[in-house]
Amino acid sequence: MGMRAESQVPKTYIAESAISLQTASDQMIEYAIERSIEDRSVAFEKLLEETMRNSIRDLLGESSMKAILFHVNLERVASDPEVFHQRLFGILNTSASIIEEVIIKDLFKRLDLLYSPPRKAFEFAKYVGAAREYYLSKGKKT
């Protein structure tokens, strides 16, 4: 009777292939997670910018909002909260903190977060950072 010859694949080849597949799989998962975080970060930035514009508009009116954002001179006002703060403070001095606090209150409200006034000096970028962390960790969509 004829015995069928089975092809013998070296065990080391199979092990190396399995490791390669696992590595490729891990890399795809890592890439998907990074993309998800980037997408969520962009979504947060859009939420923040929309909140900033609406808050300033509600507080001071459309023309004042446009003037302030023109003088802040950032392509995307939400891209760098610290630079936004510095430029807004340069324009409005201590009144900038009132606008920033209104922005933070509105942002926290949109995220269903409880805002509590600071005991010390108000730090706009610190509050934005906390909201960003919450948004990224919870996957909150508004």
C-alpha atoms as a PDB file:
ATOM      1  CA  MET A   1       0.000   0.000   0.000  1.00  0.00           C
ATOM      2  CA  GLY A   2       1.161   3.475  -0.674  1.00  0.00           C
ATOM      3  CA  MET A   3       1.916   5.717   2.255  1.00  0.00           C
ATOM      4  CA  ARG A   4       1.246   9.292   1.652  1.00  0.00           C
ATOM      5  CA  ALA A   5       4.255  11.477   2.279  1.00  0.00           C
ATOM      6  CA  GLU A   6       3.363  14.325   4.544  1.00  0.00           C
ATOM      7  CA  SER A   7       5.220  17.530   4.155  1.00  0.00           C
ATOM      8  CA  GLN A   8       7.267  18.235   7.176  1.00  0.00           C
ATOM      9  CA  VAL A   9       7.457  21.854   8.227  1.00  0.00           C
ATOM     10  CA  PRO A  10      10.221  22.524  10.695  1.00  0.00           C
ATOM     11  CA  LYS A  11       8.939  23.288  14.175  1.00  0.00           C
ATOM     12  CA  THR A  12      11.195  26.340  14.416  1.00  0.00           C
ATOM     13  CA  TYR A  13       9.504  27.801  11.317  1.00  0.00           C
ATOM     14  CA  ILE A  14       6.080  27.286  12.867  1.00  0.00           C
ATOM     15  CA  ALA A  15       7.211  28.883  16.143  1.00  0.00           C
ATOM     16  CA  GLU A  16       8.790  31.836  14.319  1.00  0.00           C
ATOM     17  CA  SER A  17       5.633  32.286  12.237  1.00  0.00           C
ATOM     18  CA  ALA A  18       3.462  32.248  15.353  1.00  0.00           C
ATOM     19  CA  ILE A  19       5.703  34.822  17.020  1.00  0.00           C
ATOM     20  CA  SER A  20       5.606  36.989  13.873  1.00  0.00           C
ATOM     21  CA  LEU A  21       1.813  36.778  13.767  1.00  0.00           C
ATOM     22  CA  GLN A  22       1.565  37.658  17.463  1.00  0.00           C
ATOM     23  CA  THR A  23       3.947  40.592  16.994  1.00  0.00           C
ATOM     24  CA  ALA A  24       1.963  41.831  13.980  1.00  0.00           C
ATOM     25  CA  SER A  25      -1.262  41.445  15.915  1.00  0.00           C
ATOM     26  CA  ASP A  26       0.168  43.344  18.898  1.00  0.00           C
ATOM     27  CA  GLN A  27       1.365  46.122  16.587  1.00  0.00           C
ATOM     28  CA  MET A  28      -2.069  46.405  14.961  1.00  0.00           C
ATOM     29  CA  ILE A  29      -3.747  46.593  18.356  1.00  0.00           C
ATOM     30  CA  GLU A  30      -1.240  49.197  19.542  1.00  0.00           C
ATOM     31  CA  TYR A  31      -1.802  51.247  16.365  1.00  0.00           C
ATOM     32  CA  ALA A  32      -5.597  51.034  16.799  1.00  0.00           C
ATOM     33  CA  ILE A  33      -5.309  52.216  20.402  1.00  0.00           C
ATOM     34  CA  GLU A  34      -3.030  55.104  19.389  1.00  0.00           C
ATOM     35  CA  ARG A  35      -5.458  56.090  16.622  1.00  0.00           C
ATOM     36  CA  SER A  36      -8.357  55.934  19.042  1.00  0.00           C
ATOM     37  CA  ILE A  37      -6.541  58.167  21.517  1.00  0.00           C
ATOM     38  CA  GLU A  38      -5.598  60.601  18.733  1.00  0.00           C
ATOM     39  CA  ASP A  39      -9.205  60.648  17.497  1.00  0.00           C
ATOM     40  CA  ARG A  40     -10.495  61.241  21.031  1.00  0.00           C
ATOM     41  CA  SER A  41      -7.907  63.967  21.550  1.00  0.00           C
ATOM     42  CA  VAL A  42      -9.015  65.723  18.349  1.00  0.00           C
ATOM     43  CA  ALA A  43     -12.650  65.342  19.423  1.00  0.00           C
ATOM     44  CA  PHE A  44     -11.828  66.903  22.801  1.00  0.00           C
ATOM     45  CA  GLU A  45     -10.048  69.798  21.121  1.00  0.00           C
ATOM     46  CA  LYS A  46     -13.130  70.424  18.948  1.00  0.00           C
ATOM     47  CA  LEU A  47     -15.367  70.284  22.021  1.00  0.00           C
ATOM     48  CA  LEU A  48     -13.099  72.711  23.859  1.00  0.00           C
ATOM     49  CA  GLU A  49     -12.948  75.127  20.941  1.00  0.00           C
ATOM     50  CA  GLU A  50     -16.713  75.076  20.518  1.00  0.00           C
ATOM     51  CA  THR A  51     -17.132  75.653  24.245  1.00  0.00           C
ATOM     52  CA  MET A  52     -14.608  78.512  24.208  1.00  0.00           C
ATOM     53  CA  ARG A  53     -16.366  80.258  21.323  1.00  0.00           C
ATOM     54  CA  ASN A  54     -19.841  79.768  22.806  1.00  0.00           C
ATOM     55  CA  SER A  55     -18.790  80.880  26.276  1.00  0.00           C
ATOM     56  CA  ILE A  56     -17.140  84.075  25.056  1.00  0.00           C
ATOM     57  CA  ARG A  57     -20.069  84.772  22.720  1.00  0.00           C
ATOM     58  CA  ASP A  58     -22.624  84.223  25.500  1.00  0.00           C
ATOM     59  CA  LEU A  59     -20.662  86.419  27.891  1.00  0.00           C
ATOM     60  CA  LEU A  60     -19.644  89.293  25.598  1.00  0.00           C
ATOM     61  CA  GLY A  61     -21.530  88.958  22.317  1.00  0.00           C
ATOM     62  CA  GLU A  62     -20.599  87.876  18.807  1.00  0.00           C
ATOM     63  CA  SER A  63     -18.489  90.877  17.769  1.00  0.00           C
ATOM     64  CA  SER A  64     -16.472  90.865  21.011  1.00  0.00           C
ATOM     65  CA  MET A  65     -15.891  87.131  20.670  1.00  0.00           C
ATOM     66  CA  LYS A  66     -14.590  87.607  17.131  1.00  0.00           C
ATOM     67  CA  ALA A  67     -12.362  90.516  18.204  1.00  0.00           C
ATOM     68  CA  ILE A  68     -10.883  88.586  21.127  1.00  0.00           C
ATOM     69  CA  LEU A  69     -10.197  85.489  19.044  1.00  0.00           C
ATOM     70  CA  PHE A  70      -8.665  87.657  16.313  1.00  0.00           C
ATOM     71  CA  HIS A  71      -6.267  89.234  18.822  1.00  0.00           C
ATOM     72  CA  VAL A  72      -5.490  85.915  20.522  1.00  0.00           C
ATOM     73  CA  ASN A  73      -4.237  84.987  17.053  1.00  0.00           C
ATOM     74  CA  LEU A  74      -4.234  81.191  17.282  1.00  0.00           C
ATOM     75  CA  GLU A  75      -5.173  79.099  14.269  1.00  0.00           C
ATOM     76  CA  ARG A  76      -7.036  76.737  16.601  1.00  0.00           C
ATOM     77  CA  VAL A  77      -7.781  78.420  19.920  1.00  0.00           C
ATOM     78  CA  ALA A  78      -8.118  75.119  21.774  1.00  0.00           C
ATOM     79  CA  SER A  79      -4.823  73.682  20.544  1.00  0.00           C
ATOM     80  CA  ASP A  80      -2.739  75.129  23.378  1.00  0.00           C
ATOM     81  CA  PRO A  81      -4.638  76.264  26.493  1.00  0.00           C
ATOM     82  CA  GLU A  82      -1.518  77.789  28.090  1.00  0.00           C
ATOM     83  CA  VAL A  83      -0.791  79.965  25.038  1.00  0.00           C
ATOM     84  CA  PHE A  84      -4.475  80.913  24.874  1.00  0.00           C
ATOM     85  CA  HIS A  85      -4.310  81.965  28.526  1.00  0.00           C
ATOM     86  CA  GLN A  86      -1.131  84.020  28.034  1.00  0.00           C
ATOM     87  CA  ARG A  87      -2.508  85.832  25.002  1.00  0.00           C
ATOM     88  CA  LEU A  88      -5.924  86.432  26.532  1.00  0.00           C
ATOM     89  CA  PHE A  89      -4.244  87.773  29.684  1.00  0.00           C
ATOM     90  CA  GLY A  90      -2.101  90.021  27.472  1.00  0.00           C
ATOM     91  CA  ILE A  91      -5.260  91.491  25.956  1.00  0.00           C
ATOM     92  CA  LEU A  92      -7.563  91.659  28.987  1.00  0.00           C
ATOM     93  CA  ASN A  93      -5.220  91.449  31.963  1.00  0.00           C
ATOM     94  CA  THR A  94      -6.977  90.141  35.093  1.00  0.00           C
ATOM     95  CA  SER A  95     -10.387  90.125  33.366  1.00  0.00           C
ATOM     96  CA  ALA A  96      -9.141  87.155  31.343  1.00  0.00           C
ATOM     97  CA  SER A  97      -9.604  84.888  34.364  1.00  0.00           C
ATOM     98  CA  ILE A  98     -13.347  85.670  34.415  1.00  0.00           C
ATOM     99  CA  ILE A  99     -13.699  84.540  30.798  1.00  0.00           C
ATOM    100  CA  GLU A 100     -11.535  81.486  31.409  1.00  0.00           C
ATOM    101  CA  GLU A 101     -13.561  80.465  34.433  1.00  0.00           C
ATOM    102  CA  VAL A 102     -16.804  80.769  32.450  1.00  0.00           C
ATOM    103  CA  ILE A 103     -15.254  78.582  29.733  1.00  0.00           C
ATOM    104  CA  ILE A 104     -14.245  75.965  32.305  1.00  0.00           C
ATOM    105  CA  LYS A 105     -17.675  75.996  33.965  1.00  0.00           C
ATOM    106  CA  ASP A 106     -19.343  75.480  30.574  1.00  0.00           C
ATOM    107  CA  LEU A 107     -16.870  72.757  29.588  1.00  0.00           C
ATOM    108  CA  PHE A 108     -17.348  70.884  32.861  1.00  0.00           C
ATOM    109  CA  LYS A 109     -21.122  71.171  32.469  1.00  0.00           C
ATOM    110  CA  ARG A 110     -20.912  69.654  28.974  1.00  0.00           C
ATOM    111  CA  LEU A 111     -18.846  66.790  30.376  1.00  0.00           C
ATOM    112  CA  ASP A 112     -21.177  66.304  33.359  1.00  0.00           C
ATOM    113  CA  LEU A 113     -18.349  67.180  35.737  1.00  0.00           C
ATOM    114  CA  LEU A 114     -18.759  69.091  38.962  1.00  0.00           C
ATOM    115  CA  TYR A 115     -16.865  72.375  38.901  1.00  0.00           C
ATOM    116  CA  SER A 116     -15.602  73.667  42.213  1.00  0.00           C
ATOM    117  CA  PRO A 117     -13.924  77.072  42.364  1.00  0.00           C
ATOM    118  CA  PRO A 118     -10.233  77.001  43.204  1.00  0.00           C
ATOM    119  CA  ARG A 119      -9.020  77.884  46.679  1.00  0.00           C
ATOM    120  CA  LYS A 120      -5.912  79.435  45.201  1.00  0.00           C
ATOM    121  CA  ALA A 121      -5.317  81.187  41.905  1.00  0.00           C
ATOM    122  CA  PHE A 122      -7.363  79.918  38.960  1.00  0.00           C
ATOM    123  CA  GLU A 123      -5.244  77.959  36.453  1.00  0.00           C
ATOM    124  CA  PHE A 124      -7.012  77.629  33.116  1.00  0.00           C
ATOM    125  CA  ALA A 125      -4.598  75.108  31.569  1.00  0.00           C
ATOM    126  CA  LYS A 126      -4.781  72.887  34.675  1.00  0.00           C
ATOM    127  CA  TYR A 127      -8.574  72.663  34.480  1.00  0.00           C
ATOM    128  CA  VAL A 128      -8.443  72.009  30.731  1.00  0.00           C
ATOM    129  CA  GLY A 129      -5.925  69.234  31.379  1.00  0.00           C
ATOM    130  CA  ALA A 130      -8.197  67.631  33.965  1.00  0.00           C
ATOM    131  CA  ALA A 131     -11.165  67.807  31.587  1.00  0.00           C
ATOM    132  CA  ARG A 132      -9.058  66.308  28.782  1.00  0.00           C
ATOM    133  CA  GLU A 133      -7.963  63.413  31.013  1.00  0.00           C
ATOM    134  CA  TYR A 134     -11.544  62.725  32.016  1.00  0.00           C
ATOM    135  CA  TYR A 135     -12.750  62.907  28.410  1.00  0.00           C
ATOM    136  CA  LEU A 136     -10.057  60.550  27.150  1.00  0.00           C
ATOM    137  CA  SER A 137     -10.508  58.064  29.992  1.00  0.00           C
ATOM    138  CA  LYS A 138     -14.293  57.933  29.937  1.00  0.00           C
ATOM    139  CA  GLY A 139     -14.878  58.090  26.190  1.00  0.00           C
ATOM    140  CA  LYS A 140     -17.558  60.696  26.797  1.00  0.00           C
ATOM    141  CA  LYS A 141     -19.292  61.964  23.667  1.00  0.00           C
ATOM    142  CA  THR A 142     -21.299  65.152  23.701  1.00  0.00           C
END
